[in-house]
N, C-alpha and C. Protein backbone atom coordinates (compact mmCIF):
# COMPACT_ATOMS: atom_id res chain seq x y z
N UNK A 1 7.52 -20.42 1.66
CA UNK A 1 8.22 -20.70 2.86
C UNK A 1 9.72 -20.89 2.69
N UNK A 2 10.09 -21.50 1.55
CA UNK A 2 11.44 -21.71 1.22
C UNK A 2 12.17 -20.44 1.03
N UNK A 3 11.58 -19.44 0.35
CA UNK A 3 12.21 -18.18 0.09
C UNK A 3 12.43 -17.42 1.37
N UNK A 4 11.49 -17.47 2.35
CA UNK A 4 11.57 -16.78 3.60
C UNK A 4 12.78 -17.40 4.39
N UNK A 5 12.87 -18.65 4.45
CA UNK A 5 13.94 -19.35 5.13
C UNK A 5 15.33 -18.93 4.57
N UNK A 6 15.40 -18.83 3.25
CA UNK A 6 16.60 -18.37 2.63
C UNK A 6 16.96 -16.98 2.97
N UNK A 7 15.97 -16.11 3.11
CA UNK A 7 16.17 -14.74 3.52
C UNK A 7 16.66 -14.65 4.95
N UNK A 8 16.06 -15.45 5.86
CA UNK A 8 16.52 -15.51 7.23
C UNK A 8 17.89 -15.95 7.37
N UNK A 9 18.23 -17.03 6.66
CA UNK A 9 19.61 -17.60 6.72
C UNK A 9 20.59 -16.59 6.14
N UNK A 10 20.30 -15.89 5.11
CA UNK A 10 21.15 -14.80 4.50
C UNK A 10 21.36 -13.75 5.54
N UNK A 11 20.28 -13.28 6.22
CA UNK A 11 20.45 -12.24 7.21
C UNK A 11 21.33 -12.59 8.35
N UNK A 12 21.23 -13.89 8.75
CA UNK A 12 22.10 -14.31 9.95
C UNK A 12 23.53 -14.46 9.44
N UNK A 13 23.79 -14.87 8.22
CA UNK A 13 25.12 -14.98 7.72
C UNK A 13 25.74 -13.52 7.62
N UNK A 14 24.91 -12.55 7.03
CA UNK A 14 25.40 -11.22 6.84
C UNK A 14 25.70 -10.61 8.24
N UNK A 15 24.81 -10.85 9.25
CA UNK A 15 25.01 -10.26 10.54
C UNK A 15 26.28 -10.81 11.19
N UNK A 16 26.49 -12.17 11.07
CA UNK A 16 27.67 -12.77 11.58
C UNK A 16 29.03 -12.33 10.83
N UNK A 17 28.93 -12.16 9.61
CA UNK A 17 30.14 -11.72 8.87
C UNK A 17 30.45 -10.31 9.10
N UNK A 18 29.47 -9.40 9.24
CA UNK A 18 29.80 -8.03 9.64
C UNK A 18 30.31 -7.95 11.02
N UNK A 19 29.93 -8.84 11.91
CA UNK A 19 30.34 -8.70 13.32
C UNK A 19 31.87 -8.95 13.41
N UNK A 20 32.50 -9.48 12.38
CA UNK A 20 33.92 -9.71 12.44
C UNK A 20 34.76 -8.46 12.22
N UNK A 21 34.11 -7.40 11.77
CA UNK A 21 34.81 -6.11 11.55
C UNK A 21 34.86 -5.35 12.89
N UNK A 22 35.88 -4.61 13.07
CA UNK A 22 36.17 -3.87 14.32
C UNK A 22 35.12 -2.89 14.71
N UNK A 23 34.39 -2.25 13.76
CA UNK A 23 33.45 -1.20 14.10
C UNK A 23 32.07 -1.78 13.99
N UNK A 24 31.88 -3.04 14.23
CA UNK A 24 30.57 -3.67 14.20
C UNK A 24 30.17 -4.26 15.59
N UNK A 25 28.95 -4.03 16.03
CA UNK A 25 28.57 -4.55 17.36
C UNK A 25 27.39 -5.42 17.11
N UNK A 26 27.34 -6.57 17.82
CA UNK A 26 26.16 -7.45 17.85
C UNK A 26 25.46 -7.23 19.19
N UNK A 27 24.13 -7.55 19.11
CA UNK A 27 23.38 -7.39 20.35
C UNK A 27 22.07 -8.16 20.34
N UNK A 28 21.39 -8.19 21.50
CA UNK A 28 20.13 -8.83 21.62
C UNK A 28 19.14 -7.81 22.09
N UNK A 29 17.86 -8.00 21.78
CA UNK A 29 16.84 -7.07 22.28
C UNK A 29 15.58 -7.80 22.50
N UNK A 30 14.69 -7.14 23.25
CA UNK A 30 13.42 -7.67 23.55
C UNK A 30 12.53 -6.65 24.23
N UNK A 31 11.19 -6.92 24.29
CA UNK A 31 10.32 -6.02 24.92
C UNK A 31 8.88 -6.32 24.58
N UNK A 32 8.03 -5.26 24.62
CA UNK A 32 6.64 -5.42 24.43
C UNK A 32 6.14 -4.61 23.22
N UNK A 33 5.14 -5.03 22.51
CA UNK A 33 4.57 -4.29 21.46
C UNK A 33 3.10 -4.07 21.70
N UNK A 34 2.70 -2.93 21.22
CA UNK A 34 1.20 -2.49 21.32
C UNK A 34 0.77 -2.20 19.92
N UNK A 35 -0.18 -3.02 19.41
CA UNK A 35 -0.60 -2.82 18.04
C UNK A 35 -2.04 -2.34 17.99
N UNK A 36 -2.24 -1.33 17.14
CA UNK A 36 -3.59 -0.71 17.07
C UNK A 36 -4.36 -1.32 15.87
N UNK A 37 -5.43 -2.02 16.23
CA UNK A 37 -6.24 -2.69 15.25
C UNK A 37 -7.54 -1.94 15.08
N UNK A 38 -8.11 -1.97 13.92
CA UNK A 38 -9.43 -1.41 13.66
C UNK A 38 -10.28 -2.53 13.01
N UNK A 39 -11.36 -2.83 13.67
CA UNK A 39 -12.20 -3.94 13.18
C UNK A 39 -12.93 -3.63 11.97
N UNK A 40 -13.12 -2.38 11.52
CA UNK A 40 -13.79 -2.12 10.36
C UNK A 40 -12.86 -1.75 9.16
N UNK A 41 -11.70 -1.18 9.45
CA UNK A 41 -10.83 -0.72 8.44
C UNK A 41 -9.39 -1.03 8.76
N UNK A 42 -8.45 -0.78 7.85
CA UNK A 42 -7.13 -1.08 8.01
C UNK A 42 -6.32 0.08 8.65
N UNK A 43 -6.94 1.06 9.19
CA UNK A 43 -6.23 2.18 9.74
C UNK A 43 -6.93 2.63 11.05
N UNK A 44 -6.50 3.62 11.67
CA UNK A 44 -7.08 4.12 12.90
C UNK A 44 -8.56 4.56 12.61
N UNK A 45 -9.47 4.30 13.64
CA UNK A 45 -10.82 4.67 13.39
C UNK A 45 -11.62 4.58 14.73
N UNK A 46 -12.93 4.61 14.57
CA UNK A 46 -13.79 4.62 15.76
C UNK A 46 -13.77 3.35 16.57
N UNK A 47 -13.61 2.24 16.00
CA UNK A 47 -13.61 0.96 16.65
C UNK A 47 -12.23 0.38 16.90
N UNK A 48 -11.34 1.24 17.22
CA UNK A 48 -9.95 0.84 17.35
C UNK A 48 -9.71 0.05 18.66
N UNK A 49 -8.90 -1.03 18.57
CA UNK A 49 -8.60 -1.78 19.78
C UNK A 49 -7.13 -2.02 19.78
N UNK A 50 -6.54 -2.13 20.95
CA UNK A 50 -5.11 -2.32 21.14
C UNK A 50 -4.82 -3.73 21.60
N UNK A 51 -3.90 -4.42 20.94
CA UNK A 51 -3.48 -5.75 21.33
C UNK A 51 -2.04 -5.69 21.71
N UNK A 52 -1.71 -6.32 22.81
CA UNK A 52 -0.36 -6.41 23.33
C UNK A 52 0.30 -7.72 23.02
N UNK A 53 1.64 -7.68 22.91
CA UNK A 53 2.44 -8.84 22.61
C UNK A 53 3.84 -8.62 23.07
N UNK A 54 4.71 -9.51 22.64
CA UNK A 54 6.14 -9.36 22.98
C UNK A 54 6.99 -9.66 21.78
N UNK A 55 8.26 -9.30 21.90
CA UNK A 55 9.23 -9.57 20.83
C UNK A 55 10.62 -9.83 21.46
N UNK A 56 11.46 -10.46 20.72
CA UNK A 56 12.92 -10.74 21.09
C UNK A 56 13.63 -11.00 19.78
N UNK A 57 14.90 -10.78 19.83
CA UNK A 57 15.72 -11.11 18.66
C UNK A 57 17.16 -10.60 18.76
N UNK A 58 17.80 -10.41 17.65
CA UNK A 58 19.20 -9.98 17.60
C UNK A 58 19.39 -8.83 16.57
N UNK A 59 20.40 -8.12 16.75
CA UNK A 59 20.71 -7.02 15.87
C UNK A 59 22.19 -6.90 15.65
N UNK A 60 22.62 -6.17 14.66
CA UNK A 60 24.06 -5.81 14.43
C UNK A 60 24.00 -4.33 14.02
N UNK A 61 24.98 -3.59 14.56
CA UNK A 61 25.18 -2.24 14.29
C UNK A 61 26.45 -2.04 13.48
N UNK A 62 26.30 -1.52 12.18
CA UNK A 62 27.51 -1.44 11.33
C UNK A 62 27.84 0.11 11.15
N UNK A 63 29.02 0.47 11.50
CA UNK A 63 29.43 1.83 11.40
C UNK A 63 29.65 2.17 9.99
N UNK A 64 28.94 3.16 9.39
CA UNK A 64 29.22 3.53 8.00
C UNK A 64 30.13 4.66 7.93
N UNK A 65 29.80 5.80 8.54
CA UNK A 65 30.63 7.01 8.51
C UNK A 65 30.18 7.97 9.62
N UNK A 66 31.18 8.46 10.39
CA UNK A 66 30.90 9.40 11.46
C UNK A 66 29.66 9.05 12.31
N UNK A 67 28.59 9.65 12.10
CA UNK A 67 27.39 9.51 12.97
C UNK A 67 26.32 8.55 12.27
N UNK A 68 26.67 8.01 11.18
CA UNK A 68 25.71 7.14 10.43
C UNK A 68 26.08 5.67 10.56
N UNK A 69 25.06 4.84 10.83
CA UNK A 69 25.19 3.48 10.96
C UNK A 69 24.06 2.72 10.22
N UNK A 70 24.25 1.38 9.92
CA UNK A 70 23.19 0.54 9.43
C UNK A 70 22.94 -0.52 10.47
N UNK A 71 21.67 -0.69 10.85
CA UNK A 71 21.36 -1.64 11.89
C UNK A 71 20.29 -2.67 11.35
N UNK A 72 20.68 -3.83 10.83
CA UNK A 72 19.73 -4.88 10.51
C UNK A 72 19.35 -5.64 11.75
N UNK A 73 18.11 -6.09 11.71
CA UNK A 73 17.65 -6.86 12.95
C UNK A 73 16.84 -8.09 12.45
N UNK A 74 16.73 -9.09 13.34
CA UNK A 74 15.88 -10.22 13.12
C UNK A 74 15.15 -10.52 14.39
N UNK A 75 13.81 -10.27 14.37
CA UNK A 75 13.01 -10.38 15.56
C UNK A 75 11.90 -11.40 15.43
N UNK A 76 11.58 -12.05 16.51
CA UNK A 76 10.42 -12.94 16.56
C UNK A 76 9.34 -12.13 17.29
N UNK A 77 8.16 -11.96 16.76
CA UNK A 77 7.12 -11.24 17.34
C UNK A 77 5.83 -12.15 17.64
N UNK A 78 5.30 -12.05 18.83
CA UNK A 78 4.01 -12.75 19.15
C UNK A 78 2.99 -11.67 19.46
N UNK A 79 1.93 -11.73 18.79
CA UNK A 79 0.84 -10.75 18.98
C UNK A 79 -0.51 -11.48 18.95
N UNK A 80 -0.99 -11.80 20.09
CA UNK A 80 -2.24 -12.66 20.11
C UNK A 80 -2.06 -13.93 19.47
N UNK A 81 -2.90 -14.22 18.45
CA UNK A 81 -2.80 -15.41 17.71
C UNK A 81 -1.75 -15.45 16.60
N UNK A 82 -1.20 -14.31 16.37
CA UNK A 82 -0.18 -14.14 15.25
C UNK A 82 1.18 -14.28 15.79
N UNK A 83 2.01 -15.00 15.05
CA UNK A 83 3.44 -15.13 15.36
C UNK A 83 4.20 -14.84 13.98
N UNK A 84 5.17 -14.04 14.09
CA UNK A 84 5.81 -13.68 12.83
C UNK A 84 7.29 -13.27 12.97
N UNK A 85 8.07 -13.37 11.95
CA UNK A 85 9.39 -12.81 11.84
C UNK A 85 9.34 -11.43 11.36
N UNK A 86 10.17 -10.52 11.93
CA UNK A 86 10.33 -9.14 11.53
C UNK A 86 11.76 -8.87 11.25
N UNK A 87 11.98 -8.34 10.01
CA UNK A 87 13.44 -8.07 9.64
C UNK A 87 13.52 -6.65 9.24
N UNK A 88 13.67 -5.71 10.17
CA UNK A 88 13.91 -4.34 9.71
C UNK A 88 15.34 -4.08 9.34
N UNK A 89 15.58 -3.11 8.47
CA UNK A 89 16.94 -2.60 8.11
C UNK A 89 16.89 -1.07 8.38
N UNK A 90 17.57 -0.71 9.44
CA UNK A 90 17.47 0.67 9.85
C UNK A 90 18.70 1.47 9.39
N UNK A 91 18.46 2.65 9.02
CA UNK A 91 19.55 3.67 8.88
C UNK A 91 19.51 4.39 10.22
N UNK A 92 20.63 4.41 10.92
CA UNK A 92 20.66 4.91 12.22
C UNK A 92 21.58 6.19 12.24
N UNK A 93 21.08 7.27 12.87
CA UNK A 93 21.80 8.48 12.99
C UNK A 93 22.07 8.79 14.44
N UNK A 94 23.29 9.01 14.86
CA UNK A 94 23.70 9.33 16.26
C UNK A 94 23.47 10.81 16.52
N UNK A 95 22.52 11.21 17.19
CA UNK A 95 22.23 12.70 17.48
C UNK A 95 23.38 13.15 18.41
N UNK A 96 23.63 12.36 19.54
CA UNK A 96 24.77 12.63 20.38
C UNK A 96 25.17 11.24 20.92
N UNK A 97 25.97 11.24 22.00
CA UNK A 97 26.42 10.00 22.54
C UNK A 97 25.34 9.10 23.11
N UNK A 98 24.21 9.71 23.47
CA UNK A 98 23.12 8.95 24.10
C UNK A 98 21.85 8.73 23.21
N UNK A 99 21.54 9.57 22.26
CA UNK A 99 20.31 9.50 21.51
C UNK A 99 20.62 9.09 20.09
N UNK A 100 19.75 8.17 19.59
CA UNK A 100 19.91 7.80 18.10
C UNK A 100 18.45 7.77 17.55
N UNK A 101 18.39 8.08 16.18
CA UNK A 101 17.21 7.97 15.46
C UNK A 101 17.40 6.85 14.41
N UNK A 102 16.36 5.97 14.32
CA UNK A 102 16.44 4.89 13.37
C UNK A 102 15.21 4.96 12.44
N UNK A 103 15.40 4.78 11.14
CA UNK A 103 14.39 4.78 10.19
C UNK A 103 14.69 3.76 9.06
N UNK A 104 13.60 3.10 8.60
CA UNK A 104 13.91 2.17 7.53
C UNK A 104 12.65 1.23 7.33
N UNK A 105 12.84 0.38 6.34
CA UNK A 105 11.76 -0.60 5.96
C UNK A 105 11.81 -1.78 6.94
N UNK A 106 10.66 -2.47 7.03
CA UNK A 106 10.60 -3.64 7.82
C UNK A 106 9.82 -4.73 7.13
N UNK A 107 10.44 -5.89 6.95
CA UNK A 107 9.77 -6.98 6.25
C UNK A 107 9.20 -8.01 7.28
N UNK A 108 7.99 -8.40 7.14
CA UNK A 108 7.36 -9.29 8.10
C UNK A 108 6.94 -10.58 7.43
N UNK A 109 7.20 -11.73 8.04
CA UNK A 109 6.74 -13.03 7.52
C UNK A 109 5.82 -13.57 8.59
N UNK A 110 4.51 -13.77 8.31
CA UNK A 110 3.53 -14.38 9.21
C UNK A 110 3.60 -15.93 9.08
N UNK A 111 3.77 -16.58 10.21
CA UNK A 111 3.75 -18.09 10.21
C UNK A 111 2.35 -18.71 10.08
N UNK A 112 1.38 -18.02 10.67
CA UNK A 112 0.07 -18.72 10.79
C UNK A 112 -1.03 -17.82 10.17
N UNK A 113 -0.76 -17.24 9.04
CA UNK A 113 -1.75 -16.45 8.29
C UNK A 113 -2.05 -17.21 7.01
N UNK A 114 -3.36 -17.29 6.56
CA UNK A 114 -3.66 -18.19 5.52
C UNK A 114 -3.27 -17.67 4.13
N UNK A 115 -3.02 -16.42 3.85
CA UNK A 115 -2.54 -15.94 2.59
C UNK A 115 -1.75 -14.61 2.82
N UNK A 116 -1.02 -14.23 1.71
CA UNK A 116 -0.31 -12.93 1.75
C UNK A 116 0.58 -12.87 3.02
N UNK A 117 1.41 -13.86 3.23
CA UNK A 117 2.26 -14.00 4.49
C UNK A 117 3.37 -12.94 4.54
N UNK A 118 3.75 -12.37 3.44
CA UNK A 118 4.88 -11.32 3.51
C UNK A 118 4.28 -9.93 3.42
N UNK A 119 4.65 -9.15 4.44
CA UNK A 119 4.21 -7.80 4.52
C UNK A 119 5.33 -6.79 4.74
N UNK A 120 5.26 -5.62 4.21
CA UNK A 120 6.33 -4.63 4.31
C UNK A 120 5.67 -3.47 5.06
N UNK A 121 6.48 -2.95 6.06
CA UNK A 121 6.06 -1.80 6.85
C UNK A 121 7.23 -0.82 6.88
N UNK A 122 6.86 0.25 7.48
CA UNK A 122 7.96 1.37 7.63
C UNK A 122 8.07 1.60 9.16
N UNK A 123 9.35 1.78 9.64
CA UNK A 123 9.61 1.95 11.08
C UNK A 123 10.31 3.26 11.27
N UNK A 124 9.98 3.87 12.46
CA UNK A 124 10.70 5.04 12.88
C UNK A 124 10.93 4.77 14.44
N UNK A 125 12.22 4.87 14.78
CA UNK A 125 12.63 4.50 16.14
C UNK A 125 13.55 5.53 16.78
N UNK A 126 13.65 5.45 18.20
CA UNK A 126 14.56 6.25 18.98
C UNK A 126 15.19 5.22 19.93
N UNK A 127 16.44 5.46 20.18
CA UNK A 127 17.18 4.73 21.30
C UNK A 127 17.83 5.67 22.21
N UNK A 128 17.86 5.31 23.49
CA UNK A 128 18.55 6.08 24.50
C UNK A 128 19.58 5.15 25.19
N UNK A 129 20.86 5.49 25.13
CA UNK A 129 21.85 4.64 25.73
C UNK A 129 21.87 4.85 27.30
N UNK A 130 21.43 3.77 27.96
CA UNK A 130 21.49 3.86 29.44
C UNK A 130 22.90 3.62 29.91
N UNK A 131 23.70 2.82 29.23
CA UNK A 131 25.15 2.63 29.52
C UNK A 131 25.80 2.29 28.17
N UNK A 132 27.08 1.95 28.23
CA UNK A 132 27.79 1.56 27.01
C UNK A 132 27.25 0.26 26.38
N UNK A 133 26.54 -0.54 27.16
CA UNK A 133 26.09 -1.81 26.58
C UNK A 133 24.54 -1.91 26.58
N UNK A 134 23.81 -1.09 27.31
CA UNK A 134 22.39 -1.28 27.54
C UNK A 134 21.61 0.02 26.95
N UNK A 135 20.60 -0.21 26.20
CA UNK A 135 19.86 0.97 25.73
C UNK A 135 18.34 0.69 25.77
N UNK A 136 17.64 1.79 25.90
CA UNK A 136 16.24 1.78 25.84
C UNK A 136 15.76 2.08 24.46
N UNK A 137 14.75 1.33 24.00
CA UNK A 137 14.31 1.48 22.55
C UNK A 137 12.85 1.68 22.45
N UNK A 138 12.44 2.53 21.51
CA UNK A 138 11.07 2.72 21.22
C UNK A 138 10.95 2.83 19.69
N UNK A 139 9.96 2.19 19.07
CA UNK A 139 9.82 2.32 17.59
C UNK A 139 8.35 2.42 17.31
N UNK A 140 8.05 3.16 16.26
CA UNK A 140 6.62 3.20 15.71
C UNK A 140 6.65 2.53 14.39
N UNK A 141 5.75 1.60 14.20
CA UNK A 141 5.66 0.86 12.92
C UNK A 141 4.39 1.29 12.21
N UNK A 142 4.57 1.63 10.93
CA UNK A 142 3.46 2.01 10.07
C UNK A 142 3.12 0.95 9.16
N UNK A 143 1.89 0.34 9.21
CA UNK A 143 1.47 -0.65 8.40
C UNK A 143 0.70 -0.12 7.20
N UNK A 144 1.00 -0.73 6.00
CA UNK A 144 0.43 -0.24 4.78
C UNK A 144 -0.86 -0.86 4.40
N UNK A 145 -1.23 -2.02 5.16
CA UNK A 145 -2.34 -2.81 4.75
C UNK A 145 -3.14 -3.15 6.08
N UNK A 146 -4.29 -3.76 5.94
CA UNK A 146 -5.12 -4.17 7.04
C UNK A 146 -4.42 -5.08 8.01
N UNK A 147 -3.76 -6.06 7.48
CA UNK A 147 -3.13 -7.07 8.33
C UNK A 147 -1.81 -6.67 8.78
N UNK A 148 -1.37 -5.51 8.37
CA UNK A 148 -0.07 -4.94 8.94
C UNK A 148 -0.29 -3.62 9.60
N UNK A 149 -1.03 -3.65 10.77
CA UNK A 149 -1.46 -2.38 11.39
C UNK A 149 -0.35 -1.64 12.06
N UNK A 150 -0.58 -0.48 12.50
CA UNK A 150 0.38 0.42 13.13
C UNK A 150 0.64 -0.15 14.55
N UNK A 151 1.88 0.13 15.06
CA UNK A 151 2.19 -0.40 16.37
C UNK A 151 3.32 0.36 17.04
N UNK A 152 3.48 0.25 18.36
CA UNK A 152 4.52 0.81 19.14
C UNK A 152 5.22 -0.32 19.85
N UNK A 153 6.60 -0.30 19.73
CA UNK A 153 7.44 -1.26 20.43
C UNK A 153 8.28 -0.54 21.51
N UNK A 154 8.25 -1.10 22.65
CA UNK A 154 9.05 -0.60 23.77
C UNK A 154 9.89 -1.73 24.29
N UNK A 155 11.24 -1.52 24.44
CA UNK A 155 12.14 -2.64 24.86
C UNK A 155 13.51 -2.13 25.22
N UNK A 156 14.32 -3.16 25.53
CA UNK A 156 15.76 -2.95 25.84
C UNK A 156 16.56 -3.67 24.89
N UNK A 157 17.78 -3.13 24.60
CA UNK A 157 18.79 -3.75 23.81
C UNK A 157 20.02 -3.91 24.53
N UNK A 158 20.72 -5.04 24.37
CA UNK A 158 22.01 -5.24 25.11
C UNK A 158 23.05 -5.59 24.09
N UNK A 159 24.10 -4.80 24.01
CA UNK A 159 25.25 -5.03 23.10
C UNK A 159 26.22 -6.04 23.70
N UNK A 160 26.60 -7.07 22.90
CA UNK A 160 27.41 -8.10 23.38
C UNK A 160 28.90 -7.76 23.27
């Protein structure tokens, strides 16, 4: 627990320090998630069931070069009985002024799971800018283990 708290504090400090630069944007986001669980196995299968939840959190967008950005996030996710922190670090590519692709690792810390509380997943996302400050977001999360199943996240982001 102590290590996770240190990671969270470090991410918040990094997000805040990067926001002081001119080409950095802070924002908040939230939405719904749909997670695909399989009661017999850790992947898609015959007894698949979908569980819905919600998420909210903060992000920062760091301009690296031309159309490339780095976008770390810190999200709180609630999914049925599970509550956890999600800290993805995305490499973001601007296809054009409105569409972006995000890809990267995602670290999850489960608050209420009895063992192996830290899980790593891979994310692939798309954003569509509805305006200069508001965007529509969708991401697909690939879980590598039984307790880190695949999921789809749909939500909105607001740049401060």
